[in-house]
N, C-alpha and C. Protein backbone atom coordinates (compact mmCIF):
# COMPACT_ATOMS: atom_id res chain seq x y z
N MET A 1 -97.46 1.67 182.38
CA MET A 1 -98.39 0.91 181.58
C MET A 1 -97.61 0.33 180.40
N ASN A 2 -97.70 -0.99 180.22
CA ASN A 2 -96.99 -1.62 179.11
C ASN A 2 -97.81 -1.54 177.82
N GLY A 3 -97.24 -2.04 176.72
CA GLY A 3 -97.89 -1.96 175.42
C GLY A 3 -99.22 -2.68 175.37
N VAL A 4 -99.33 -3.85 176.00
CA VAL A 4 -100.58 -4.63 176.00
C VAL A 4 -101.66 -3.87 176.74
N GLU A 5 -101.30 -3.30 177.90
CA GLU A 5 -102.28 -2.53 178.67
C GLU A 5 -102.75 -1.30 177.90
N ARG A 6 -101.81 -0.63 177.22
CA ARG A 6 -102.18 0.54 176.42
C ARG A 6 -103.15 0.14 175.30
N THR A 7 -102.88 -0.98 174.66
CA THR A 7 -103.75 -1.45 173.58
C THR A 7 -105.14 -1.76 174.11
N LYS A 8 -105.23 -2.45 175.25
CA LYS A 8 -106.53 -2.75 175.84
C LYS A 8 -107.27 -1.46 176.22
N ASN A 9 -106.53 -0.51 176.80
CA ASN A 9 -107.12 0.76 177.19
C ASN A 9 -107.64 1.51 175.96
N LEU A 10 -106.87 1.51 174.90
CA LEU A 10 -107.27 2.16 173.66
C LEU A 10 -108.53 1.52 173.09
N ARG A 11 -108.57 0.20 173.08
CA ARG A 11 -109.74 -0.52 172.58
C ARG A 11 -110.98 -0.23 173.40
N SER A 12 -110.81 -0.09 174.70
CA SER A 12 -111.96 0.08 175.60
C SER A 12 -112.74 1.36 175.29
N TRP A 13 -112.10 2.39 174.80
CA TRP A 13 -112.83 3.61 174.48
C TRP A 13 -112.93 3.86 172.98
N LEU A 14 -112.00 3.35 172.19
CA LEU A 14 -112.02 3.62 170.76
C LEU A 14 -113.04 2.76 170.02
N LEU A 15 -113.14 1.49 170.37
CA LEU A 15 -114.06 0.60 169.67
C LEU A 15 -115.51 1.07 169.77
N PRO A 16 -116.02 1.38 170.97
CA PRO A 16 -117.40 1.90 171.03
C PRO A 16 -117.59 3.18 170.23
N LEU A 17 -116.58 4.04 170.23
CA LEU A 17 -116.65 5.30 169.48
C LEU A 17 -116.75 5.02 167.99
N LEU A 18 -115.94 4.09 167.49
CA LEU A 18 -115.99 3.73 166.07
C LEU A 18 -117.32 3.11 165.70
N ILE A 19 -117.82 2.22 166.51
CA ILE A 19 -119.11 1.58 166.24
C ILE A 19 -120.21 2.62 166.21
N SER A 20 -120.20 3.53 167.15
CA SER A 20 -121.19 4.60 167.19
C SER A 20 -121.11 5.46 165.93
N GLY A 21 -119.90 5.80 165.53
CA GLY A 21 -119.71 6.61 164.32
C GLY A 21 -120.20 5.91 163.08
N LEU A 22 -119.94 4.62 162.97
CA LEU A 22 -120.41 3.85 161.81
C LEU A 22 -121.93 3.76 161.79
N ALA A 23 -122.54 3.59 162.94
CA ALA A 23 -124.00 3.54 163.01
C ALA A 23 -124.59 4.88 162.57
N THR A 24 -123.96 5.97 162.98
CA THR A 24 -124.43 7.30 162.58
C THR A 24 -124.32 7.47 161.08
N LEU A 25 -123.20 7.06 160.50
CA LEU A 25 -123.03 7.16 159.05
C LEU A 25 -124.06 6.33 158.31
N ALA A 26 -124.35 5.15 158.82
CA ALA A 26 -125.32 4.27 158.18
C ALA A 26 -126.71 4.89 158.14
N GLN A 27 -127.01 5.75 159.12
CA GLN A 27 -128.32 6.37 159.19
C GLN A 27 -128.30 7.80 158.67
N ALA A 28 -127.21 8.21 158.05
CA ALA A 28 -127.07 9.59 157.58
C ALA A 28 -128.18 9.94 156.61
N GLN A 29 -128.71 11.11 156.78
CA GLN A 29 -129.75 11.62 155.91
C GLN A 29 -129.28 12.98 155.38
N PRO A 30 -129.76 13.37 154.22
CA PRO A 30 -129.45 14.72 153.74
C PRO A 30 -129.95 15.77 154.74
N GLU A 31 -129.35 16.92 154.70
CA GLU A 31 -129.70 18.00 155.62
C GLU A 31 -131.21 18.28 155.61
N MET A 32 -131.84 18.24 154.42
CA MET A 32 -133.26 18.56 154.34
C MET A 32 -134.14 17.57 155.11
N PHE A 33 -133.63 16.38 155.41
CA PHE A 33 -134.41 15.39 156.14
C PHE A 33 -134.02 15.29 157.61
N LYS A 34 -133.03 16.08 158.04
CA LYS A 34 -132.63 16.05 159.45
C LYS A 34 -133.80 16.48 160.31
N GLY A 35 -134.07 15.70 161.34
CA GLY A 35 -135.17 16.02 162.25
C GLY A 35 -136.53 15.57 161.76
N ALA A 36 -136.59 14.94 160.58
CA ALA A 36 -137.88 14.47 160.07
C ALA A 36 -138.41 13.37 160.99
N ASP A 37 -139.70 13.35 161.17
CA ASP A 37 -140.36 12.36 162.03
C ASP A 37 -140.59 11.09 161.22
N LEU A 38 -139.65 10.14 161.32
CA LEU A 38 -139.71 8.92 160.52
C LEU A 38 -140.90 8.05 160.89
N LYS A 39 -141.27 8.02 162.15
CA LYS A 39 -142.46 7.24 162.57
C LYS A 39 -143.72 7.81 161.92
N LEU A 40 -143.81 9.13 161.88
CA LEU A 40 -144.94 9.78 161.23
C LEU A 40 -144.94 9.45 159.74
N GLY A 41 -143.78 9.49 159.10
CA GLY A 41 -143.70 9.16 157.68
C GLY A 41 -144.17 7.74 157.40
N GLU A 42 -143.74 6.80 158.24
CA GLU A 42 -144.18 5.40 158.08
C GLU A 42 -145.69 5.29 158.24
N LYS A 43 -146.23 5.98 159.24
CA LYS A 43 -147.68 5.96 159.50
C LYS A 43 -148.46 6.53 158.31
N LEU A 44 -147.98 7.66 157.79
CA LEU A 44 -148.66 8.29 156.66
C LEU A 44 -148.62 7.40 155.41
N MET A 45 -147.50 6.72 155.21
CA MET A 45 -147.40 5.83 154.05
C MET A 45 -148.41 4.69 154.16
N LEU A 46 -148.60 4.17 155.37
CA LEU A 46 -149.59 3.11 155.58
C LEU A 46 -151.02 3.64 155.39
N GLU A 47 -151.31 4.76 156.04
CA GLU A 47 -152.66 5.33 155.97
C GLU A 47 -153.05 5.70 154.54
N ASN A 48 -152.10 6.21 153.77
CA ASN A 48 -152.40 6.65 152.40
C ASN A 48 -152.20 5.56 151.35
N LYS A 49 -151.83 4.37 151.83
CA LYS A 49 -151.69 3.20 150.94
C LYS A 49 -150.72 3.47 149.78
N CYS A 50 -149.60 4.10 150.11
CA CYS A 50 -148.61 4.46 149.09
C CYS A 50 -148.08 3.23 148.34
N VAL A 51 -147.76 2.17 149.07
CA VAL A 51 -147.19 0.97 148.45
C VAL A 51 -148.21 0.34 147.49
N ALA A 52 -149.47 0.25 147.91
CA ALA A 52 -150.50 -0.34 147.05
C ALA A 52 -150.71 0.50 145.79
N CYS A 53 -150.68 1.81 145.93
CA CYS A 53 -150.84 2.69 144.78
C CYS A 53 -149.69 2.49 143.80
N HIS A 54 -148.47 2.46 144.33
CA HIS A 54 -147.30 2.27 143.48
C HIS A 54 -147.31 0.89 142.82
N ALA A 55 -147.76 -0.12 143.56
CA ALA A 55 -147.83 -1.47 143.01
C ALA A 55 -148.81 -1.54 141.84
N SER A 56 -149.82 -0.69 141.87
CA SER A 56 -150.80 -0.68 140.78
C SER A 56 -150.24 -0.01 139.51
N LYS A 57 -149.13 0.70 139.65
CA LYS A 57 -148.56 1.43 138.52
C LYS A 57 -147.37 0.74 137.86
N VAL A 58 -146.74 -0.19 138.57
CA VAL A 58 -145.58 -0.89 138.03
C VAL A 58 -145.75 -2.39 138.25
N PRO A 59 -145.08 -3.20 137.44
CA PRO A 59 -145.22 -4.65 137.61
C PRO A 59 -144.68 -5.13 138.97
N GLY A 60 -145.17 -6.26 139.41
CA GLY A 60 -144.68 -6.87 140.63
C GLY A 60 -145.26 -6.23 141.87
N ASP A 61 -144.43 -6.11 142.89
CA ASP A 61 -144.88 -5.61 144.20
C ASP A 61 -144.83 -4.09 144.34
N GLY A 62 -144.45 -3.40 143.31
CA GLY A 62 -144.39 -1.94 143.35
C GLY A 62 -143.02 -1.39 143.67
N SER A 63 -142.11 -2.24 144.08
CA SER A 63 -140.79 -1.75 144.48
C SER A 63 -139.97 -1.24 143.28
N ALA A 64 -140.36 -1.63 142.08
CA ALA A 64 -139.65 -1.17 140.89
C ALA A 64 -139.76 0.34 140.70
N ILE A 65 -140.71 0.95 141.38
CA ILE A 65 -140.87 2.40 141.26
C ILE A 65 -139.74 3.14 141.97
N TYR A 66 -139.08 2.46 142.91
CA TYR A 66 -137.98 3.07 143.65
C TYR A 66 -136.68 2.74 142.95
N LYS A 67 -136.25 3.61 142.07
CA LYS A 67 -135.01 3.38 141.33
C LYS A 67 -134.09 4.56 141.57
N PRO A 68 -133.17 4.41 142.52
CA PRO A 68 -132.29 5.54 142.86
C PRO A 68 -131.53 6.11 141.68
N MET A 69 -131.19 5.32 140.70
CA MET A 69 -130.44 5.83 139.56
C MET A 69 -131.37 6.24 138.42
N GLY A 70 -132.65 6.23 138.67
CA GLY A 70 -133.61 6.61 137.65
C GLY A 70 -133.90 8.09 137.66
N ARG A 71 -135.16 8.44 137.50
CA ARG A 71 -135.55 9.85 137.43
C ARG A 71 -135.25 10.61 138.71
N ILE A 72 -135.39 9.95 139.82
CA ILE A 72 -135.17 10.63 141.10
C ILE A 72 -133.71 10.44 141.48
N ASN A 73 -132.93 11.52 141.34
CA ASN A 73 -131.49 11.39 141.58
C ASN A 73 -130.93 12.37 142.62
N THR A 74 -131.81 13.08 143.32
CA THR A 74 -131.38 13.94 144.43
C THR A 74 -132.45 13.89 145.53
N ALA A 75 -132.05 14.25 146.73
CA ALA A 75 -132.99 14.29 147.85
C ALA A 75 -134.10 15.32 147.58
N GLY A 76 -133.74 16.44 146.99
CA GLY A 76 -134.73 17.46 146.68
C GLY A 76 -135.76 16.99 145.68
N TYR A 77 -135.31 16.25 144.70
CA TYR A 77 -136.24 15.73 143.70
C TYR A 77 -137.16 14.68 144.32
N LEU A 78 -136.61 13.87 145.23
CA LEU A 78 -137.42 12.88 145.94
C LEU A 78 -138.53 13.57 146.72
N ARG A 79 -138.17 14.62 147.46
CA ARG A 79 -139.18 15.35 148.21
C ARG A 79 -140.22 15.96 147.28
N GLY A 80 -139.76 16.46 146.14
CA GLY A 80 -140.68 17.03 145.16
C GLY A 80 -141.66 16.01 144.60
N MET A 81 -141.20 14.79 144.42
CA MET A 81 -142.10 13.74 143.92
C MET A 81 -143.15 13.37 144.96
N VAL A 82 -142.76 13.36 146.23
CA VAL A 82 -143.73 13.10 147.29
C VAL A 82 -144.74 14.24 147.33
N GLU A 83 -144.27 15.47 147.17
CA GLU A 83 -145.19 16.61 147.14
C GLU A 83 -146.12 16.52 145.94
N GLN A 84 -145.62 16.03 144.82
CA GLN A 84 -146.47 15.86 143.63
C GLN A 84 -147.59 14.87 143.92
N CYS A 85 -147.27 13.75 144.55
CA CYS A 85 -148.31 12.78 144.93
C CYS A 85 -149.32 13.45 145.86
N ASN A 86 -148.82 14.18 146.84
CA ASN A 86 -149.67 14.87 147.81
C ASN A 86 -150.65 15.80 147.09
N THR A 87 -150.14 16.55 146.13
CA THR A 87 -150.98 17.52 145.40
C THR A 87 -151.95 16.82 144.46
N GLU A 88 -151.44 15.92 143.63
CA GLU A 88 -152.29 15.27 142.62
C GLU A 88 -153.39 14.41 143.25
N LEU A 89 -153.08 13.78 144.37
CA LEU A 89 -154.06 12.91 145.02
C LEU A 89 -154.85 13.63 146.11
N ASN A 90 -154.61 14.94 146.25
CA ASN A 90 -155.31 15.78 147.23
C ASN A 90 -155.26 15.14 148.62
N MET A 91 -154.05 14.78 149.04
CA MET A 91 -153.88 14.09 150.32
C MET A 91 -153.92 15.04 151.51
N GLY A 92 -153.64 16.30 151.29
CA GLY A 92 -153.72 17.29 152.35
C GLY A 92 -152.60 17.21 153.38
N MET A 93 -151.45 16.67 152.98
CA MET A 93 -150.33 16.60 153.92
C MET A 93 -149.67 17.97 154.05
N PHE A 94 -149.26 18.27 155.27
CA PHE A 94 -148.52 19.49 155.54
C PHE A 94 -147.07 19.29 155.11
N PRO A 95 -146.31 20.38 154.90
CA PRO A 95 -144.91 20.26 154.46
C PRO A 95 -144.06 19.32 155.32
N GLU A 96 -144.24 19.38 156.65
CA GLU A 96 -143.44 18.50 157.51
C GLU A 96 -143.83 17.04 157.34
N GLU A 97 -145.08 16.79 156.95
CA GLU A 97 -145.52 15.41 156.69
C GLU A 97 -144.94 14.90 155.37
N VAL A 98 -144.92 15.75 154.37
CA VAL A 98 -144.30 15.39 153.09
C VAL A 98 -142.83 15.08 153.32
N ASN A 99 -142.19 15.91 154.12
CA ASN A 99 -140.78 15.72 154.43
C ASN A 99 -140.56 14.39 155.16
N ALA A 100 -141.46 14.04 156.07
CA ALA A 100 -141.35 12.79 156.83
C ALA A 100 -141.46 11.59 155.90
N VAL A 101 -142.40 11.62 154.97
CA VAL A 101 -142.56 10.53 154.01
C VAL A 101 -141.31 10.43 153.13
N ALA A 102 -140.84 11.55 152.63
CA ALA A 102 -139.64 11.54 151.79
C ALA A 102 -138.43 11.01 152.55
N ALA A 103 -138.31 11.36 153.81
CA ALA A 103 -137.19 10.89 154.63
C ALA A 103 -137.23 9.37 154.80
N VAL A 104 -138.43 8.81 154.97
CA VAL A 104 -138.57 7.36 155.08
C VAL A 104 -138.19 6.70 153.76
N LEU A 105 -138.66 7.25 152.66
CA LEU A 105 -138.30 6.69 151.35
C LEU A 105 -136.79 6.76 151.12
N ASN A 106 -136.20 7.86 151.55
CA ASN A 106 -134.75 7.98 151.40
C ASN A 106 -134.03 6.94 152.25
N ARG A 107 -134.46 6.80 153.48
CA ARG A 107 -133.83 5.83 154.39
C ARG A 107 -133.95 4.40 153.84
N ASP A 108 -135.12 4.07 153.33
CA ASP A 108 -135.39 2.68 152.94
C ASP A 108 -134.99 2.34 151.52
N HIS A 109 -134.97 3.33 150.61
CA HIS A 109 -134.77 3.01 149.20
C HIS A 109 -133.64 3.80 148.53
N TYR A 110 -133.61 5.10 148.73
CA TYR A 110 -132.72 5.94 147.92
C TYR A 110 -131.34 6.15 148.54
N LYS A 111 -131.29 6.37 149.83
CA LYS A 111 -130.02 6.49 150.56
C LYS A 111 -129.16 7.68 150.10
N PHE A 112 -129.82 8.80 149.75
CA PHE A 112 -129.07 10.01 149.45
C PHE A 112 -128.44 10.50 150.75
N LYS A 113 -127.25 11.08 150.65
CA LYS A 113 -126.55 11.54 151.86
C LYS A 113 -126.43 13.05 151.87
């Protein structure tokens, strides 16, 4: 096998592996959110009108409430804030549902690893 063939052979298995690894890193979640049901979290956020509630509390579309460098600076604190909403608004979410919502917020806004 000459150098060109070796390079092609290397690319044929290495490139997909690298792409897969980068995709995994891009979707990395903190350990506490591993296995969280992201579809359930999205559904719960819609059903409970989380975005509309947040929009009523801050100017604009409500996205200003998601400030990764603000008060919420760890994955644990993010989950705690979702639990606080759950408790204060008497939403009745189970712990795994709170975790699912927090995981979606992390994926979409905070990106804690």
